[in-house]
């Protein structure tokens, strides 16, 4: 059910090409308007993870073309082609508890690269790219509702769990990944030993937050334009793609600012910044898929349409976050 792509942080190697990354473009990157490809994502990931000292294995875990017994293909896709979840597993001590890490919006598992070594001392760390993100398959995204969009992430994650033969585990989600992790835990509590939410998105709705400033901002012409773009599912990634060969420079400026000048923790080294910027660009500029969840999960202002706080009010459900 899984196809190995690389192993060992100190000397990651790639085996045979996976079935979902079929043929490389005949055009060299320098001649493409958007200089990226699946091969670029995998290569950028390997370079970034080379900074991690803990040995690891990367594999493409086959989750099939849709949930068993369902006519749904990830998601309403006309293709019966199998889909894959890009998965990194880090070497750990025997009998270490399993920790599964789920990234946030506009991110991928490589964003955790600074956390892997420390966590691997205590856990068997498994980090994934959610369906439609990073090095995972990117099916056409045709969801039309919040419910369908949640199912896209929750059901694909559950098929991944089955393929990995995981019984129960500690589940950690960051930002939007926290939203997905919490929704998964609510649907499949028998598989989640502990739920860790790091800066989770989607806890409250706009009405619960009593956001008067947002209502006033919508009444301005700027607010009206931005709200229209949001409801049209105009994502930040579309800006990166639209800039073509100038996209990498924009992403470099973004990562330098976010993880450098405006970072609250240890600033990235020059090498870390370079490798992360390259990785982020290729994951953002690739085919639009999971990113298109944005308007279905959140309303303008990033308020959840189906907030977690309402779900956690169910009997016997308790949720905390850090």
C-alpha atoms as a PDB file:
ATOM      1  CA  UNK A   1       0.000   0.000   0.000  1.00  0.00           C
ATOM      2  CA  UNK A   2       2.992   2.290   0.232  1.00  0.00           C
ATOM      3  CA  UNK A   3       5.684   3.251  -2.184  1.00  0.00           C
ATOM      4  CA  UNK A   4       9.014   4.367  -0.756  1.00  0.00           C
ATOM      5  CA  UNK A   5      10.646   7.481  -2.136  1.00  0.00           C
ATOM      6  CA  UNK A   6      13.517   8.219   0.187  1.00  0.00           C
ATOM      7  CA  UNK A   7      15.236   7.321   3.423  1.00  0.00           C
ATOM      8  CA  UNK A   8      17.808   8.565   5.917  1.00  0.00           C
ATOM      9  CA  UNK A   9      18.100  12.256   6.565  1.00  0.00           C
ATOM     10  CA  UNK A  10      21.844  12.150   6.169  1.00  0.00           C
ATOM     11  CA  UNK A  11      21.747  10.593   2.738  1.00  0.00           C
ATOM     12  CA  UNK A  12      18.196  10.578   1.362  1.00  0.00           C
ATOM     13  CA  UNK A  13      17.825   8.620  -1.839  1.00  0.00           C
ATOM     14  CA  UNK A  14      15.004   8.151  -4.296  1.00  0.00           C
ATOM     15  CA  UNK A  15      13.972   4.764  -5.550  1.00  0.00           C
ATOM     16  CA  UNK A  16      11.887   4.178  -8.647  1.00  0.00           C
ATOM     17  CA  UNK A  17       9.450   6.897  -9.723  1.00  0.00           C
ATOM     18  CA  UNK A  18       5.986   6.589  -8.202  1.00  0.00           C
ATOM     19  CA  UNK A  19       2.980   5.796 -10.370  1.00  0.00           C
ATOM     20  CA  UNK A  20       1.329   9.146  -9.676  1.00  0.00           C
ATOM     21  CA  UNK A  21       4.353  11.182 -10.765  1.00  0.00           C
ATOM     22  CA  UNK A  22       4.398   9.880 -14.278  1.00  0.00           C
ATOM     23  CA  UNK A  23       6.416  11.711 -16.879  1.00  0.00           C
ATOM     24  CA  UNK A  24       8.536  14.791 -16.441  1.00  0.00           C
ATOM     25  CA  UNK A  25       7.746  17.815 -18.531  1.00  0.00           C
ATOM     26  CA  UNK A  26       9.678  18.042 -21.756  1.00  0.00           C
ATOM     27  CA  UNK A  27      10.184  21.714 -21.052  1.00  0.00           C
ATOM     28  CA  UNK A  28      13.082  22.650 -18.783  1.00  0.00           C
ATOM     29  CA  UNK A  29      12.092  24.729 -15.736  1.00  0.00           C
ATOM     30  CA  UNK A  30      13.686  27.871 -17.102  1.00  0.00           C
ATOM     31  CA  UNK A  31      11.256  27.868 -20.046  1.00  0.00           C
ATOM     32  CA  UNK A  32       8.094  27.328 -17.966  1.00  0.00           C
ATOM     33  CA  UNK A  33       5.906  30.211 -16.802  1.00  0.00           C
ATOM     34  CA  UNK A  34       5.463  28.389 -13.481  1.00  0.00           C
ATOM     35  CA  UNK A  35       8.860  26.727 -12.867  1.00  0.00           C
ATOM     36  CA  UNK A  36       7.693  23.794 -10.763  1.00  0.00           C
ATOM     37  CA  UNK A  37       6.511  20.185 -10.959  1.00  0.00           C
ATOM     38  CA  UNK A  38       5.893  17.174  -8.699  1.00  0.00           C
ATOM     39  CA  UNK A  39       9.554  16.241  -9.158  1.00  0.00           C
ATOM     40  CA  UNK A  40      10.532  19.707  -7.930  1.00  0.00           C
ATOM     41  CA  UNK A  41       8.400  19.316  -4.787  1.00  0.00           C
ATOM     42  CA  UNK A  42       9.947  15.953  -3.903  1.00  0.00           C
ATOM     43  CA  UNK A  43      13.476  17.213  -4.582  1.00  0.00           C
ATOM     44  CA  UNK A  44      12.910  20.386  -2.517  1.00  0.00           C
ATOM     45  CA  UNK A  45      11.502  18.282   0.326  1.00  0.00           C
ATOM     46  CA  UNK A  46      14.589  16.039   0.326  1.00  0.00           C
ATOM     47  CA  UNK A  47      16.898  19.040   0.449  1.00  0.00           C
ATOM     48  CA  UNK A  48      14.964  20.565   3.360  1.00  0.00           C
ATOM     49  CA  UNK A  49      14.787  17.299   5.314  1.00  0.00           C
ATOM     50  CA  UNK A  50      18.524  16.827   4.861  1.00  0.00           C
ATOM     51  CA  UNK A  51      18.787  19.324   7.734  1.00  0.00           C
ATOM     52  CA  UNK A  52      17.120  16.785  10.033  1.00  0.00           C
ATOM     53  CA  UNK A  53      19.581  14.494  11.830  1.00  0.00           C
ATOM     54  CA  UNK A  54      17.124  11.709  12.617  1.00  0.00           C
ATOM     55  CA  UNK A  55      16.988   9.019   9.904  1.00  0.00           C
ATOM     56  CA  UNK A  56      13.670   8.940   8.078  1.00  0.00           C
ATOM     57  CA  UNK A  57      11.755   7.244   5.293  1.00  0.00           C
ATOM     58  CA  UNK A  58       9.422   8.994   2.868  1.00  0.00           C
ATOM     59  CA  UNK A  59       6.715   6.976   1.164  1.00  0.00           C
ATOM     60  CA  UNK A  60       3.655   7.501  -0.987  1.00  0.00           C
ATOM     61  CA  UNK A  61       0.789   5.764   0.802  1.00  0.00           C
ATOM     62  CA  UNK A  62      -1.940   4.569  -1.561  1.00  0.00           C
ATOM     63  CA  UNK A  63      -5.421   5.606  -0.361  1.00  0.00           C
ATOM     64  CA  UNK A  64      -7.250   4.389  -3.465  1.00  0.00           C
ATOM     65  CA  UNK A  65      -9.518   6.501  -5.639  1.00  0.00           C
ATOM     66  CA  UNK A  66     -12.152   7.152  -2.958  1.00  0.00           C
ATOM     67  CA  UNK A  67     -13.733   5.823   0.239  1.00  0.00           C
ATOM     68  CA  UNK A  68     -14.636   2.109  -0.023  1.00  0.00           C
ATOM     69  CA  UNK A  69     -18.230   1.556  -1.105  1.00  0.00           C
ATOM     70  CA  UNK A  70     -18.630   5.175  -2.131  1.00  0.00           C
ATOM     71  CA  UNK A  71     -19.261   6.553  -5.592  1.00  0.00           C
ATOM     72  CA  UNK A  72     -17.295   9.583  -4.537  1.00  0.00           C
ATOM     73  CA  UNK A  73     -13.831   9.883  -6.030  1.00  0.00           C
ATOM     74  CA  UNK A  74     -11.473  12.302  -4.289  1.00  0.00           C
ATOM     75  CA  UNK A  75     -13.721  14.272  -4.775  1.00  0.00           C
ATOM     76  CA  UNK A  76     -16.194  13.899  -7.616  1.00  0.00           C
ATOM     77  CA  UNK A  77     -13.157  13.289  -9.806  1.00  0.00           C
ATOM     78  CA  UNK A  78     -13.931  11.385 -12.997  1.00  0.00           C
ATOM     79  CA  UNK A  79     -10.677   9.486 -12.608  1.00  0.00           C
ATOM     80  CA  UNK A  80     -10.395   6.105 -10.876  1.00  0.00           C
ATOM     81  CA  UNK A  81      -6.647   6.633 -10.560  1.00  0.00           C
ATOM     82  CA  UNK A  82      -5.284   5.809  -7.078  1.00  0.00           C
ATOM     83  CA  UNK A  83      -4.325   8.731  -4.875  1.00  0.00           C
ATOM     84  CA  UNK A  84      -1.370   8.951  -2.527  1.00  0.00           C
ATOM     85  CA  UNK A  85      -0.527  10.669   0.752  1.00  0.00           C
ATOM     86  CA  UNK A  86       3.094  11.808   1.044  1.00  0.00           C
ATOM     87  CA  UNK A  87       4.330  10.466   4.389  1.00  0.00           C
ATOM     88  CA  UNK A  88       7.567  10.936   6.328  1.00  0.00           C
ATOM     89  CA  UNK A  89       8.324   8.508   9.183  1.00  0.00           C
ATOM     90  CA  UNK A  90      11.241   9.177  11.523  1.00  0.00           C
ATOM     91  CA  UNK A  91      13.320   6.556  13.268  1.00  0.00           C
ATOM     92  CA  UNK A  92      12.516   6.149  16.941  1.00  0.00           C
ATOM     93  CA  UNK A  93      13.184   3.958  19.941  1.00  0.00           C
ATOM     94  CA  UNK A  94      11.291   0.700  20.074  1.00  0.00           C
ATOM     95  CA  UNK A  95       7.853   0.952  21.685  1.00  0.00           C
ATOM     96  CA  UNK A  96       7.786   4.734  21.358  1.00  0.00           C
ATOM     97  CA  UNK A  97       4.227   6.127  21.136  1.00  0.00           C
ATOM     98  CA  UNK A  98       3.157   7.149  17.634  1.00  0.00           C
ATOM     99  CA  UNK A  99       2.699  10.863  16.969  1.00  0.00           C
ATOM    100  CA  UNK A 100       1.000  11.850  13.700  1.00  0.00           C
ATOM    101  CA  UNK A 101       1.523  15.476  12.631  1.00  0.00           C
ATOM    102  CA  UNK A 102      -0.875  17.368  10.348  1.00  0.00           C
ATOM    103  CA  UNK A 103       0.185  20.679   8.799  1.00  0.00           C
ATOM    104  CA  UNK A 104      -1.854  23.839   8.307  1.00  0.00           C
ATOM    105  CA  UNK A 105      -3.197  25.775   5.332  1.00  0.00           C
ATOM    106  CA  UNK A 106      -0.659  26.746   2.640  1.00  0.00           C
ATOM    107  CA  UNK A 107       1.859  24.459   4.345  1.00  0.00           C
ATOM    108  CA  UNK A 108       3.184  20.895   4.141  1.00  0.00           C
ATOM    109  CA  UNK A 109       4.899  18.445   6.470  1.00  0.00           C
ATOM    110  CA  UNK A 110       8.314  19.986   5.795  1.00  0.00           C
ATOM    111  CA  UNK A 111       7.270  23.054   7.820  1.00  0.00           C
ATOM    112  CA  UNK A 112       7.896  20.939  10.927  1.00  0.00           C
ATOM    113  CA  UNK A 113      11.537  20.296   9.962  1.00  0.00           C
ATOM    114  CA  UNK A 114      12.906  22.002  13.090  1.00  0.00           C
ATOM    115  CA  UNK A 115      10.673  19.923  15.372  1.00  0.00           C
ATOM    116  CA  UNK A 116      11.407  16.436  14.075  1.00  0.00           C
ATOM    117  CA  UNK A 117      14.683  15.747  15.891  1.00  0.00           C
ATOM    118  CA  UNK A 118      13.405  16.751  19.324  1.00  0.00           C
ATOM    119  CA  UNK A 119      10.109  14.913  18.935  1.00  0.00           C
ATOM    120  CA  UNK A 120      11.789  11.766  17.575  1.00  0.00           C
ATOM    121  CA  UNK A 121      13.588  11.381  20.919  1.00  0.00           C
ATOM    122  CA  UNK A 122      10.260  10.516  22.536  1.00  0.00           C
ATOM    123  CA  UNK A 123       7.877   9.520  19.758  1.00  0.00           C
ATOM    124  CA  UNK A 124       7.606   7.598  16.536  1.00  0.00           C
ATOM    125  CA  UNK A 125       6.943  10.680  14.431  1.00  0.00           C
ATOM    126  CA  UNK A 126       4.885  10.418  11.263  1.00  0.00           C
ATOM    127  CA  UNK A 127       4.233  13.619   9.304  1.00  0.00           C
ATOM    128  CA  UNK A 128       1.918  13.779   6.317  1.00  0.00           C
ATOM    129  CA  UNK A 129       1.001  16.084   3.490  1.00  0.00           C
ATOM    130  CA  UNK A 130      -2.776  16.269   3.461  1.00  0.00           C
ATOM    131  CA  UNK A 131      -4.539  15.263   0.250  1.00  0.00           C
ATOM    132  CA  UNK A 132      -4.117  18.071  -2.261  1.00  0.00           C
ATOM    133  CA  UNK A 133      -1.043  19.574  -0.565  1.00  0.00           C
ATOM    134  CA  UNK A 134       2.737  19.226  -0.730  1.00  0.00           C
ATOM    135  CA  UNK A 135       3.939  16.018  -2.339  1.00  0.00           C
ATOM    136  CA  UNK A 136       0.594  14.226  -2.020  1.00  0.00           C
ATOM    137  CA  UNK A 137      -1.767  13.661  -4.936  1.00  0.00           C
ATOM    138  CA  UNK A 138      -3.629  16.744  -6.096  1.00  0.00           C
ATOM    139  CA  UNK A 139      -7.044  15.656  -7.419  1.00  0.00           C
ATOM    140  CA  UNK A 140      -9.371  18.212  -8.985  1.00  0.00           C
ATOM    141  CA  UNK A 141     -11.140  19.946  -6.114  1.00  0.00           C
ATOM    142  CA  UNK A 142     -14.863  20.049  -6.878  1.00  0.00           C
ATOM    143  CA  UNK A 143     -16.394  20.110  -3.389  1.00  0.00           C
ATOM    144  CA  UNK A 144     -19.434  22.341  -3.188  1.00  0.00           C
ATOM    145  CA  UNK A 145     -20.162  22.529   0.529  1.00  0.00           C
ATOM    146  CA  UNK A 146     -18.522  22.644   3.941  1.00  0.00           C
ATOM    147  CA  UNK A 147     -19.613  19.074   4.625  1.00  0.00           C
ATOM    148  CA  UNK A 148     -18.064  17.742   1.426  1.00  0.00           C
ATOM    149  CA  UNK A 149     -14.883  19.703   2.041  1.00  0.00           C
ATOM    150  CA  UNK A 150     -14.483  18.348   5.549  1.00  0.00           C
ATOM    151  CA  UNK A 151     -15.069  14.839   4.193  1.00  0.00           C
ATOM    152  CA  UNK A 152     -12.284  15.370   1.631  1.00  0.00           C
ATOM    153  CA  UNK A 153      -9.718  15.727   4.419  1.00  0.00           C
ATOM    154  CA  UNK A 154     -11.230  13.508   7.121  1.00  0.00           C
ATOM    155  CA  UNK A 155     -12.021  10.522   4.883  1.00  0.00           C
ATOM    156  CA  UNK A 156      -8.710  10.643   3.015  1.00  0.00           C
ATOM    157  CA  UNK A 157      -6.898  10.739   6.361  1.00  0.00           C
ATOM    158  CA  UNK A 158      -8.893   7.735   7.570  1.00  0.00           C
ATOM    159  CA  UNK A 159      -7.989   5.777   4.406  1.00  0.00           C
ATOM    160  CA  UNK A 160      -4.355   6.706   5.047  1.00  0.00           C
ATOM    161  CA  UNK A 161      -4.647   5.394   8.632  1.00  0.00           C
ATOM    162  CA  UNK A 162      -6.029   2.095   7.354  1.00  0.00           C
ATOM    163  CA  UNK A 163      -3.283   1.796   4.742  1.00  0.00           C
ATOM    164  CA  UNK A 164      -0.638   2.413   7.429  1.00  0.00           C
ATOM    165  CA  UNK A 165      -2.367  -0.107   9.717  1.00  0.00           C
ATOM    166  CA  UNK A 166      -2.381   2.293  12.654  1.00  0.00           C
ATOM    167  CA  UNK A 167      -4.659   1.366  15.537  1.00  0.00           C
ATOM    168  CA  UNK A 168      -4.506   4.421  17.767  1.00  0.00           C
ATOM    169  CA  UNK A 169      -2.068   7.298  18.004  1.00  0.00           C
ATOM    170  CA  UNK A 170      -1.441  10.784  19.293  1.00  0.00           C
ATOM    171  CA  UNK A 171      -2.742  13.284  16.751  1.00  0.00           C
ATOM    172  CA  UNK A 172      -1.227  16.759  16.461  1.00  0.00           C
ATOM    173  CA  UNK A 173      -2.626  19.417  14.174  1.00  0.00           C
ATOM    174  CA  UNK A 174      -1.343  22.928  13.539  1.00  0.00           C
ATOM    175  CA  UNK A 175      -3.600  25.804  12.453  1.00  0.00           C
ATOM    176  CA  UNK A 176      -5.965  24.453   9.753  1.00  0.00           C
ATOM    177  CA  UNK A 177      -4.437  21.041  10.441  1.00  0.00           C
ATOM    178  CA  UNK A 178      -5.764  21.454  13.983  1.00  0.00           C
ATOM    179  CA  UNK A 179      -9.249  21.954  12.578  1.00  0.00           C
ATOM    180  CA  UNK A 180      -8.945  18.787  10.485  1.00  0.00           C
ATOM    181  CA  UNK A 181      -7.420  16.822  13.371  1.00  0.00           C
ATOM    182  CA  UNK A 182     -10.218  17.848  15.739  1.00  0.00           C
ATOM    183  CA  UNK A 183     -12.923  16.998  13.209  1.00  0.00           C
ATOM    184  CA  UNK A 184     -11.256  13.634  12.603  1.00  0.00           C
ATOM    185  CA  UNK A 185     -11.093  12.931  16.350  1.00  0.00           C
ATOM    186  CA  UNK A 186     -14.782  13.722  16.683  1.00  0.00           C
ATOM    187  CA  UNK A 187     -15.647  11.273  13.900  1.00  0.00           C
ATOM    188  CA  UNK A 188     -13.112   8.565  14.820  1.00  0.00           C
ATOM    189  CA  UNK A 189     -12.406   8.961  18.553  1.00  0.00           C
ATOM    190  CA  UNK A 190     -11.428   5.297  18.896  1.00  0.00           C
ATOM    191  CA  UNK A 191      -8.217   5.944  16.949  1.00  0.00           C
ATOM    192  CA  UNK A 192      -7.050   9.071  18.804  1.00  0.00           C
ATOM    193  CA  UNK A 193      -5.246   8.522  22.126  1.00  0.00           C
ATOM    194  CA  UNK A 194      -4.581  12.222  22.630  1.00  0.00           C
ATOM    195  CA  UNK A 195      -5.402  15.260  20.536  1.00  0.00           C
ATOM    196  CA  UNK A 196      -2.931  18.143  20.470  1.00  0.00           C
ATOM    197  CA  UNK A 197      -4.037  21.366  18.766  1.00  0.00           C
ATOM    198  CA  UNK A 198      -1.297  23.926  18.136  1.00  0.00           C
ATOM    199  CA  UNK A 199      -2.673  27.352  17.278  1.00  0.00           C
ATOM    200  CA  UNK A 200      -5.793  25.743  15.801  1.00  0.00           C
ATOM    201  CA  UNK A 201      -7.993  27.571  13.320  1.00  0.00           C
ATOM    202  CA  UNK A 202     -11.750  27.320  13.191  1.00  0.00           C
ATOM    203  CA  UNK A 203     -12.722  27.384  16.856  1.00  0.00           C
ATOM    204  CA  UNK A 204     -15.297  30.148  16.592  1.00  0.00           C
ATOM    205  CA  UNK A 205     -17.667  31.685  14.089  1.00  0.00           C
ATOM    206  CA  UNK A 206     -17.945  35.343  13.154  1.00  0.00           C
ATOM    207  CA  UNK A 207     -21.137  35.758  15.211  1.00  0.00           C
ATOM    208  CA  UNK A 208     -19.542  34.202  18.295  1.00  0.00           C
ATOM    209  CA  UNK A 209     -16.504  36.457  17.962  1.00  0.00           C
ATOM    210  CA  UNK A 210     -18.754  39.540  17.754  1.00  0.00           C
ATOM    211  CA  UNK A 211     -16.485  40.977  15.115  1.00  0.00           C
ATOM    212  CA  UNK A 212     -17.918  44.462  14.628  1.00  0.00           C
ATOM    213  CA  UNK A 213     -14.779  45.693  12.908  1.00  0.00           C
ATOM    214  CA  UNK A 214     -15.182  43.080  10.172  1.00  0.00           C
ATOM    215  CA  UNK A 215     -18.783  44.079   9.512  1.00  0.00           C
ATOM    216  CA  UNK A 216     -17.729  47.704   9.222  1.00  0.00           C
ATOM    217  CA  UNK A 217     -14.767  46.781   7.005  1.00  0.00           C
ATOM    218  CA  UNK A 218     -17.070  44.893   4.617  1.00  0.00           C
ATOM    219  CA  UNK A 219     -19.011  48.112   4.106  1.00  0.00           C
ATOM    220  CA  UNK A 220     -15.919  49.815   2.660  1.00  0.00           C
ATOM    221  CA  UNK A 221     -14.952  49.382  -0.985  1.00  0.00           C
ATOM    222  CA  UNK A 222     -11.760  47.579   0.017  1.00  0.00           C
ATOM    223  CA  UNK A 223     -13.687  45.199   2.212  1.00  0.00           C
ATOM    224  CA  UNK A 224     -16.243  44.568  -0.523  1.00  0.00           C
ATOM    225  CA  UNK A 225     -13.492  43.735  -3.025  1.00  0.00           C
ATOM    226  CA  UNK A 226     -11.660  41.417  -0.638  1.00  0.00           C
ATOM    227  CA  UNK A 227     -14.892  39.704   0.397  1.00  0.00           C
ATOM    228  CA  UNK A 228     -15.733  39.129  -3.278  1.00  0.00           C
ATOM    229  CA  UNK A 229     -12.293  37.644  -3.924  1.00  0.00           C
ATOM    230  CA  UNK A 230     -12.702  35.374  -0.891  1.00  0.00           C
ATOM    231  CA  UNK A 231     -16.113  34.122  -2.014  1.00  0.00           C
ATOM    232  CA  UNK A 232     -14.668  33.609  -5.509  1.00  0.00           C
ATOM    233  CA  UNK A 233     -12.062  31.305  -3.923  1.00  0.00           C
ATOM    234  CA  UNK A 234      -9.151  33.512  -4.914  1.00  0.00           C
ATOM    235  CA  UNK A 235      -6.285  32.010  -2.924  1.00  0.00           C
ATOM    236  CA  UNK A 236      -2.814  33.412  -2.132  1.00  0.00           C
ATOM    237  CA  UNK A 237      -1.361  30.567  -4.207  1.00  0.00           C
ATOM    238  CA  UNK A 238      -2.989  32.022  -7.313  1.00  0.00           C
ATOM    239  CA  UNK A 239      -0.891  35.154  -6.852  1.00  0.00           C
ATOM    240  CA  UNK A 240       2.268  33.032  -6.682  1.00  0.00           C
ATOM    241  CA  UNK A 241       1.309  31.186  -9.880  1.00  0.00           C
ATOM    242  CA  UNK A 242       0.277  34.379 -11.642  1.00  0.00           C
ATOM    243  CA  UNK A 243       3.705  35.887 -11.080  1.00  0.00           C
ATOM    244  CA  UNK A 244       5.280  33.004 -12.992  1.00  0.00           C
ATOM    245  CA  UNK A 245       9.087  33.169 -12.853  1.00  0.00           C
ATOM    246  CA  UNK A 246       8.868  36.041 -10.329  1.00  0.00           C
ATOM    247  CA  UNK A 247       6.942  33.846  -7.889  1.00  0.00           C
ATOM    248  CA  UNK A 248      10.026  32.399  -6.165  1.00  0.00           C
ATOM    249  CA  UNK A 249      11.215  35.906  -5.245  1.00  0.00           C
ATOM    250  CA  UNK A 250       7.853  36.753  -3.647  1.00  0.00           C
ATOM    251  CA  UNK A 251       7.885  33.527  -1.633  1.00  0.00           C
ATOM    252  CA  UNK A 252      11.462  34.162  -0.547  1.00  0.00           C
ATOM    253  CA  UNK A 253      10.452  37.595   0.757  1.00  0.00           C
ATOM    254  CA  UNK A 254       7.510  36.028   2.578  1.00  0.00           C
ATOM    255  CA  UNK A 255       9.484  33.264   4.285  1.00  0.00           C
ATOM    256  CA  UNK A 256      12.317  35.641   5.169  1.00  0.00           C
ATOM    257  CA  UNK A 257       9.839  37.987   6.861  1.00  0.00           C
ATOM    258  CA  UNK A 258       7.683  35.337   8.544  1.00  0.00           C
ATOM    259  CA  UNK A 259      10.537  33.207   9.849  1.00  0.00           C
ATOM    260  CA  UNK A 260      13.137  35.923  10.096  1.00  0.00           C
ATOM    261  CA  UNK A 261      12.474  39.546  11.004  1.00  0.00           C
ATOM    262  CA  UNK A 262       9.013  38.824  12.442  1.00  0.00           C
ATOM    263  CA  UNK A 263       9.840  35.489  14.034  1.00  0.00           C
ATOM    264  CA  UNK A 264       9.264  35.129  17.780  1.00  0.00           C
ATOM    265  CA  UNK A 265      11.609  32.145  18.040  1.00  0.00           C
ATOM    266  CA  UNK A 266      15.096  31.353  16.840  1.00  0.00           C
ATOM    267  CA  UNK A 267      15.675  32.973  13.463  1.00  0.00           C
ATOM    268  CA  UNK A 268      16.367  30.665  10.525  1.00  0.00           C
ATOM    269  CA  UNK A 269      19.941  30.315   9.362  1.00  0.00           C
ATOM    270  CA  UNK A 270      20.763  31.391   5.823  1.00  0.00           C
ATOM    271  CA  UNK A 271      20.782  27.771   4.637  1.00  0.00           C
ATOM    272  CA  UNK A 272      17.497  26.963   6.387  1.00  0.00           C
ATOM    273  CA  UNK A 273      15.859  30.055   4.913  1.00  0.00           C
ATOM    274  CA  UNK A 274      17.043  29.214   1.403  1.00  0.00           C
ATOM    275  CA  UNK A 275      15.918  25.585   1.529  1.00  0.00           C
ATOM    276  CA  UNK A 276      12.579  26.418   3.154  1.00  0.00           C
ATOM    277  CA  UNK A 277      11.832  29.176   0.644  1.00  0.00           C
ATOM    278  CA  UNK A 278      12.524  26.808  -2.245  1.00  0.00           C
ATOM    279  CA  UNK A 279      10.313  24.130  -0.685  1.00  0.00           C
ATOM    280  CA  UNK A 280       7.476  26.554   0.060  1.00  0.00           C
ATOM    281  CA  UNK A 281       7.514  27.924  -3.479  1.00  0.00           C
ATOM    282  CA  UNK A 282       7.150  24.542  -5.132  1.00  0.00           C
ATOM    283  CA  UNK A 283       4.389  23.416  -2.774  1.00  0.00           C
ATOM    284  CA  UNK A 284       2.445  26.648  -3.325  1.00  0.00           C
ATOM    285  CA  UNK A 285       2.916  26.941  -7.073  1.00  0.00           C
ATOM    286  CA  UNK A 286       1.886  23.364  -7.911  1.00  0.00           C
ATOM    287  CA  UNK A 287      -1.600  22.467  -9.160  1.00  0.00           C
ATOM    288  CA  UNK A 288      -4.439  23.963  -7.111  1.00  0.00           C
ATOM    289  CA  UNK A 289      -6.235  21.278  -5.123  1.00  0.00           C
ATOM    290  CA  UNK A 290      -6.554  21.217  -1.328  1.00  0.00           C
ATOM    291  CA  UNK A 291      -6.062  24.993  -1.143  1.00  0.00           C
ATOM    292  CA  UNK A 292      -9.520  25.483  -2.667  1.00  0.00           C
ATOM    293  CA  UNK A 293     -11.085  24.388   0.621  1.00  0.00           C
ATOM    294  CA  UNK A 294     -10.663  27.934   1.921  1.00  0.00           C
ATOM    295  CA  UNK A 295     -14.062  29.506   1.243  1.00  0.00           C
ATOM    296  CA  UNK A 296     -15.967  26.376   2.239  1.00  0.00           C
ATOM    297  CA  UNK A 297     -14.307  25.977   5.632  1.00  0.00           C
ATOM    298  CA  UNK A 298     -13.955  29.657   6.524  1.00  0.00           C
ATOM    299  CA  UNK A 299     -15.947  32.801   5.874  1.00  0.00           C
ATOM    300  CA  UNK A 300     -14.171  36.074   5.093  1.00  0.00           C
ATOM    301  CA  UNK A 301     -11.953  36.918   8.054  1.00  0.00           C
ATOM    302  CA  UNK A 302     -11.051  33.231   8.579  1.00  0.00           C
ATOM    303  CA  UNK A 303     -14.040  32.468  10.805  1.00  0.00           C
ATOM    304  CA  UNK A 304     -15.199  28.859  10.659  1.00  0.00           C
ATOM    305  CA  UNK A 305     -18.495  28.086   8.956  1.00  0.00           C
ATOM    306  CA  UNK A 306     -18.856  24.987  11.189  1.00  0.00           C
ATOM    307  CA  UNK A 307     -16.824  26.020  14.259  1.00  0.00           C
ATOM    308  CA  UNK A 308     -15.098  23.513  16.495  1.00  0.00           C
ATOM    309  CA  UNK A 309     -16.527  25.135  19.610  1.00  0.00           C
ATOM    310  CA  UNK A 310     -19.991  23.972  18.558  1.00  0.00           C
ATOM    311  CA  UNK A 311     -18.789  20.434  17.905  1.00  0.00           C
ATOM    312  CA  UNK A 312     -17.021  20.219  21.265  1.00  0.00           C
ATOM    313  CA  UNK A 313     -20.258  21.085  23.057  1.00  0.00           C
ATOM    314  CA  UNK A 314     -21.481  17.601  22.282  1.00  0.00           C
ATOM    315  CA  UNK A 315     -21.831  15.298  25.314  1.00  0.00           C
ATOM    316  CA  UNK A 316     -18.640  13.438  26.312  1.00  0.00           C
ATOM    317  CA  UNK A 317     -16.466  15.633  24.059  1.00  0.00           C
ATOM    318  CA  UNK A 318     -13.649  17.603  25.668  1.00  0.00           C
ATOM    319  CA  UNK A 319     -11.112  19.668  23.755  1.00  0.00           C
ATOM    320  CA  UNK A 320      -8.151  21.799  24.764  1.00  0.00           C
ATOM    321  CA  UNK A 321      -5.459  23.522  22.710  1.00  0.00           C
ATOM    322  CA  UNK A 322      -2.018  25.030  23.059  1.00  0.00           C
END
